[in-house]
Each structure stands twice: as structure tokens, then as C-alpha cells.
C-alpha atoms as a PDB file:
ATOM      1  CA  UNK A   1      81.220 119.353  66.312  1.00  0.00           C
ATOM      2  CA  UNK A   2      84.414 117.482  65.392  1.00  0.00           C
ATOM      3  CA  UNK A   3      84.534 113.814  66.243  1.00  0.00           C
ATOM      4  CA  UNK A   4      87.480 111.645  67.072  1.00  0.00           C
ATOM      5  CA  UNK A   5      88.631 109.625  64.055  1.00  0.00           C
ATOM      6  CA  UNK A   6      88.040 105.893  64.200  1.00  0.00           C
ATOM      7  CA  UNK A   7      91.679 104.920  64.336  1.00  0.00           C
ATOM      8  CA  UNK A   8      93.089 102.085  66.388  1.00  0.00           C
ATOM      9  CA  UNK A   9      96.328 103.767  67.313  1.00  0.00           C
ATOM     10  CA  UNK A  10      98.479 102.852  70.276  1.00  0.00           C
ATOM     11  CA  UNK A  11      99.075 106.541  70.926  1.00  0.00           C
ATOM     12  CA  UNK A  12      95.349 107.194  71.373  1.00  0.00           C
ATOM     13  CA  UNK A  13      95.014 104.227  73.734  1.00  0.00           C
ATOM     14  CA  UNK A  14      97.958 105.281  75.869  1.00  0.00           C
ATOM     15  CA  UNK A  15      96.787 108.886  75.919  1.00  0.00           C
ATOM     16  CA  UNK A  16      93.356 107.773  77.095  1.00  0.00           C
ATOM     17  CA  UNK A  17      94.820 105.544  79.803  1.00  0.00           C
ATOM     18  CA  UNK A  18      96.997 108.372  81.055  1.00  0.00           C
ATOM     19  CA  UNK A  19      94.014 110.738  81.036  1.00  0.00           C
ATOM     20  CA  UNK A  20      91.893 108.206  82.956  1.00  0.00           C
ATOM     21  CA  UNK A  21      94.594 107.721  85.551  1.00  0.00           C
ATOM     22  CA  UNK A  22      95.101 111.425  86.041  1.00  0.00           C
ATOM     23  CA  UNK A  23      91.391 112.130  86.165  1.00  0.00           C
ATOM     24  CA  UNK A  24      90.600 109.537  88.809  1.00  0.00           C
ATOM     25  CA  UNK A  25      93.559 110.109  91.092  1.00  0.00           C
ATOM     26  CA  UNK A  26      94.544 113.240  93.000  1.00  0.00           C
ATOM     27  CA  UNK A  27      94.714 116.261  90.749  1.00  0.00           C
ATOM     28  CA  UNK A  28      98.118 117.975  90.993  1.00  0.00           C
ATOM     29  CA  UNK A  29      96.766 121.161  89.466  1.00  0.00           C
ATOM     30  CA  UNK A  30      94.020 121.810  92.003  1.00  0.00           C
ATOM     31  CA  UNK A  31      95.361 119.717  94.857  1.00  0.00           C
ATOM     32  CA  UNK A  32      91.853 118.261  95.169  1.00  0.00           C
ATOM     33  CA  UNK A  33      91.366 114.594  95.948  1.00  0.00           C
ATOM     34  CA  UNK A  34      88.855 113.444  93.365  1.00  0.00           C
ATOM     35  CA  UNK A  35      88.023 110.473  95.592  1.00  0.00           C
ATOM     36  CA  UNK A  36      85.763 112.874  97.482  1.00  0.00           C
ATOM     37  CA  UNK A  37      83.508 112.935  94.420  1.00  0.00           C
ATOM     38  CA  UNK A  38      82.361 109.355  94.948  1.00  0.00           C
ATOM     39  CA  UNK A  39      81.723 109.335  98.664  1.00  0.00           C
ATOM     40  CA  UNK A  40      78.675 107.232  99.427  1.00  0.00           C
ATOM     41  CA  UNK A  41      75.555 109.268 100.066  1.00  0.00           C
ATOM     42  CA  UNK A  42      74.577 106.812 102.779  1.00  0.00           C
ATOM     43  CA  UNK A  43      77.382 104.840 104.427  1.00  0.00           C
ATOM     44  CA  UNK A  44      74.867 102.769 106.362  1.00  0.00           C
ATOM     45  CA  UNK A  45      73.256 101.617 103.107  1.00  0.00           C
ATOM     46  CA  UNK A  46      76.630 100.632 101.677  1.00  0.00           C
ATOM     47  CA  UNK A  47      77.481  98.704 104.872  1.00  0.00           C
ATOM     48  CA  UNK A  48      74.166  96.872 104.469  1.00  0.00           C
ATOM     49  CA  UNK A  49      75.137  96.035 100.866  1.00  0.00           C
ATOM     50  CA  UNK A  50      78.366  94.567 102.223  1.00  0.00           C
ATOM     51  CA  UNK A  51      76.420  92.312 104.594  1.00  0.00           C
ATOM     52  CA  UNK A  52      74.261  91.099 101.712  1.00  0.00           C
ATOM     53  CA  UNK A  53      77.308  90.464  99.500  1.00  0.00           C
ATOM     54  CA  UNK A  54      79.031  88.603 102.362  1.00  0.00           C
ATOM     55  CA  UNK A  55      76.020  86.261 102.550  1.00  0.00           C
ATOM     56  CA  UNK A  56      76.044  85.863  98.752  1.00  0.00           C
ATOM     57  CA  UNK A  57      79.718  84.916  98.811  1.00  0.00           C
ATOM     58  CA  UNK A  58      79.161  82.442 101.654  1.00  0.00           C
ATOM     59  CA  UNK A  59      76.363  80.803  99.677  1.00  0.00           C
ATOM     60  CA  UNK A  60      78.103  80.998  96.262  1.00  0.00           C
ATOM     61  CA  UNK A  61      81.868  81.265  96.795  1.00  0.00           C
ATOM     62  CA  UNK A  62      82.579  80.557  93.116  1.00  0.00           C
ATOM     63  CA  UNK A  63      80.374  83.404  91.802  1.00  0.00           C
ATOM     64  CA  UNK A  64      82.732  86.112  90.493  1.00  0.00           C
ATOM     65  CA  UNK A  65      79.994  88.735  90.176  1.00  0.00           C
ATOM     66  CA  UNK A  66      79.392  88.621  93.952  1.00  0.00           C
ATOM     67  CA  UNK A  67      83.044  89.571  94.496  1.00  0.00           C
ATOM     68  CA  UNK A  68      82.769  92.371  91.937  1.00  0.00           C
ATOM     69  CA  UNK A  69      79.714  93.784  93.694  1.00  0.00           C
ATOM     70  CA  UNK A  70      81.325  93.561  97.122  1.00  0.00           C
ATOM     71  CA  UNK A  71      84.481  95.146  95.690  1.00  0.00           C
ATOM     72  CA  UNK A  72      82.391  98.056  94.412  1.00  0.00           C
ATOM     73  CA  UNK A  73      80.911  98.503  97.891  1.00  0.00           C
ATOM     74  CA  UNK A  74      84.380  98.525  99.459  1.00  0.00           C
ATOM     75  CA  UNK A  75      85.455 101.032  96.826  1.00  0.00           C
ATOM     76  CA  UNK A  76      82.569 103.344  97.774  1.00  0.00           C
ATOM     77  CA  UNK A  77      83.783 103.179 101.377  1.00  0.00           C
ATOM     78  CA  UNK A  78      87.331 103.959 100.207  1.00  0.00           C
ATOM     79  CA  UNK A  79      88.545 100.591 101.521  1.00  0.00           C
ATOM     80  CA  UNK A  80      90.702 100.164  98.441  1.00  0.00           C
ATOM     81  CA  UNK A  81      92.853  97.247  99.627  1.00  0.00           C
ATOM     82  CA  UNK A  82      89.755  95.178 100.341  1.00  0.00           C
ATOM     83  CA  UNK A  83      88.226  96.259  97.028  1.00  0.00           C
ATOM     84  CA  UNK A  84      91.396  95.195  95.179  1.00  0.00           C
ATOM     85  CA  UNK A  85      91.249  91.827  96.939  1.00  0.00           C
ATOM     86  CA  UNK A  86      87.662  91.202  95.851  1.00  0.00           C
ATOM     87  CA  UNK A  87      88.250  92.359  92.286  1.00  0.00           C
ATOM     88  CA  UNK A  88      91.326  90.116  92.103  1.00  0.00           C
ATOM     89  CA  UNK A  89      89.324  87.141  93.409  1.00  0.00           C
ATOM     90  CA  UNK A  90      86.652  87.755  90.761  1.00  0.00           C
ATOM     91  CA  UNK A  91      89.331  87.824  88.048  1.00  0.00           C
ATOM     92  CA  UNK A  92      90.868  84.614  89.406  1.00  0.00           C
ATOM     93  CA  UNK A  93      87.468  82.924  89.159  1.00  0.00           C
ATOM     94  CA  UNK A  94      86.694  84.308  85.689  1.00  0.00           C
ATOM     95  CA  UNK A  95      89.176  86.473  83.823  1.00  0.00           C
ATOM     96  CA  UNK A  96      86.385  87.779  81.574  1.00  0.00           C
ATOM     97  CA  UNK A  97      85.027  89.952  84.406  1.00  0.00           C
ATOM     98  CA  UNK A  98      85.558  93.330  82.714  1.00  0.00           C
ATOM     99  CA  UNK A  99      84.000  95.215  85.629  1.00  0.00           C
ATOM    100  CA  UNK A 100      86.549  93.620  87.959  1.00  0.00           C
ATOM    101  CA  UNK A 101      89.446  94.923  85.845  1.00  0.00           C
ATOM    102  CA  UNK A 102      87.864  98.367  85.801  1.00  0.00           C
ATOM    103  CA  UNK A 103      87.231  98.386  89.559  1.00  0.00           C
ATOM    104  CA  UNK A 104      90.668  97.018  90.398  1.00  0.00           C
ATOM    105  CA  UNK A 105      92.313  99.556  88.105  1.00  0.00           C
ATOM    106  CA  UNK A 106      90.443 102.410  89.749  1.00  0.00           C
ATOM    107  CA  UNK A 107      91.165 101.111  93.261  1.00  0.00           C
ATOM    108  CA  UNK A 108      94.840 100.651  92.473  1.00  0.00           C
ATOM    109  CA  UNK A 109      94.973 104.180  91.106  1.00  0.00           C
ATOM    110  CA  UNK A 110      93.360 105.557  94.250  1.00  0.00           C
ATOM    111  CA  UNK A 111      95.879 103.602  96.309  1.00  0.00           C
ATOM    112  CA  UNK A 112      98.688 105.296  94.407  1.00  0.00           C
ATOM    113  CA  UNK A 113      99.688 102.287  92.302  1.00  0.00           C
ATOM    114  CA  UNK A 114      99.269 104.120  89.013  1.00  0.00           C
ATOM    115  CA  UNK A 115     101.180 101.668  86.790  1.00  0.00           C
ATOM    116  CA  UNK A 116      99.165  98.630  87.845  1.00  0.00           C
ATOM    117  CA  UNK A 117      95.960 100.679  87.750  1.00  0.00           C
ATOM    118  CA  UNK A 118      96.681 101.720  84.184  1.00  0.00           C
ATOM    119  CA  UNK A 119      97.475  98.106  83.276  1.00  0.00           C
ATOM    120  CA  UNK A 120      94.079  96.962  84.600  1.00  0.00           C
ATOM    121  CA  UNK A 121      92.268  99.799  82.854  1.00  0.00           C
ATOM    122  CA  UNK A 122      94.073  98.798  79.663  1.00  0.00           C
ATOM    123  CA  UNK A 123      92.682  95.263  79.963  1.00  0.00           C
ATOM    124  CA  UNK A 124      89.221  96.726  80.518  1.00  0.00           C
ATOM    125  CA  UNK A 125      89.469  99.059  77.540  1.00  0.00           C
ATOM    126  CA  UNK A 126      90.682  96.324  75.186  1.00  0.00           C
ATOM    127  CA  UNK A 127      87.946  93.895  76.246  1.00  0.00           C
ATOM    128  CA  UNK A 128      85.378  93.455  73.470  1.00  0.00           C
ATOM    129  CA  UNK A 129      82.519  93.667  75.942  1.00  0.00           C
ATOM    130  CA  UNK A 130      83.758  96.843  77.602  1.00  0.00           C
ATOM    131  CA  UNK A 131      81.354  99.747  77.423  1.00  0.00           C
ATOM    132  CA  UNK A 132      84.007 101.971  75.874  1.00  0.00           C
ATOM    133  CA  UNK A 133      84.661  99.428  73.137  1.00  0.00           C
ATOM    134  CA  UNK A 134      80.943  99.230  72.350  1.00  0.00           C
ATOM    135  CA  UNK A 135      80.716 103.014  72.193  1.00  0.00           C
ATOM    136  CA  UNK A 136      83.725 103.208  69.867  1.00  0.00           C
ATOM    137  CA  UNK A 137      82.302 100.458  67.640  1.00  0.00           C
ATOM    138  CA  UNK A 138      78.940 102.230  67.450  1.00  0.00           C
ATOM    139  CA  UNK A 139      80.579 105.525  66.508  1.00  0.00           C
ATOM    140  CA  UNK A 140      82.725 103.869  63.836  1.00  0.00           C
ATOM    141  CA  UNK A 141      80.061 101.605  62.362  1.00  0.00           C
ATOM    142  CA  UNK A 142      78.292 102.670  59.186  1.00  0.00           C
ATOM    143  CA  UNK A 143      74.749 103.950  59.641  1.00  0.00           C
ATOM    144  CA  UNK A 144      72.168 101.221  60.165  1.00  0.00           C
ATOM    145  CA  UNK A 145      70.606 101.720  56.752  1.00  0.00           C
ATOM    146  CA  UNK A 146      73.987 101.155  55.094  1.00  0.00           C
ATOM    147  CA  UNK A 147      74.554  97.973  57.102  1.00  0.00           C
ATOM    148  CA  UNK A 148      71.123  96.620  56.199  1.00  0.00           C
ATOM    149  CA  UNK A 149      71.406  97.606  52.546  1.00  0.00           C
ATOM    150  CA  UNK A 150      68.489 100.055  52.832  1.00  0.00           C
ATOM    151  CA  UNK A 151      68.739 103.731  52.091  1.00  0.00           C
ATOM    152  CA  UNK A 152      66.684 106.570  53.483  1.00  0.00           C
ATOM    153  CA  UNK A 153      64.033 107.862  51.138  1.00  0.00           C
END
């Protein structure tokens, strides 16, 4: 199976961002709204999560992760403006909140603000701690035995 070369090219990054935006927003080919794919299985459970996160934020208003988690709950309920607000607050508190950039980018895309959504996803993708970056690094790293100086017998 062919693998993607380990090249840090701007073209690959922009192509991926465009693909991500098109994948997670309405599909013009099928006319399907892909937002239906992430409807919460149990709205009542998500509303309960919101109550818990509200209490967390009241107790710890400077905790960015609480805003990220509440933003994710709003996103599941398709309350994208509120999700964007929470993700933005988390970023204002700590701009190293990669999940907040991802969530805000996705919420902006769902709200139709593709350019800003792509910009946020670009920040997420370039972040060294982003899951995608770790996956790319793992795929491009030499095998463990080469890194440790040992060879297989």
C-alpha cells in the first residue's frame, strides 16, 4: 500500500485543510449535511454535561480545559455560536489549547465561516502536540531499532 511521502510542503498542508473543511461542512455533491453524523445519542446526557461544566467554570473560571469541554458539549448540540465562544475563551486563557483551535475551527466551518475555520484548523495542525503532527512524526521517524542503534537479528 503506498504511503504519503514525509514532505513538509505547503501544498500538502493547504490541500489537507481544504479537504478537512469540505469533509466537515455540507457536501455539495450529495447535498447531505454532515453535521447530522455527530448528533448526540442522548441530548439529555449532553445537557447534563453542560450543567457540570457550568459548575466547573463557576468554581474555576481560569481553567481553559473547562471551556473546551463545555464548547464540545455545545458543539454536540449544534449550538455553534456558543461553542465558538467557549473555544475562544479557552484560547484567550491559554493559547496552547490545541483542542480549542480544533473545536473552534470545526464550529466555524459548520457555521459557514470556512476561511476562519480553516485558519483555526491550520493552527491545530501546525501545533507540535496535535494528534495529526504526532501521527506524521511517527510515520516519518526511523524504526525504533534504528533510533536506538540496535538492529533486528
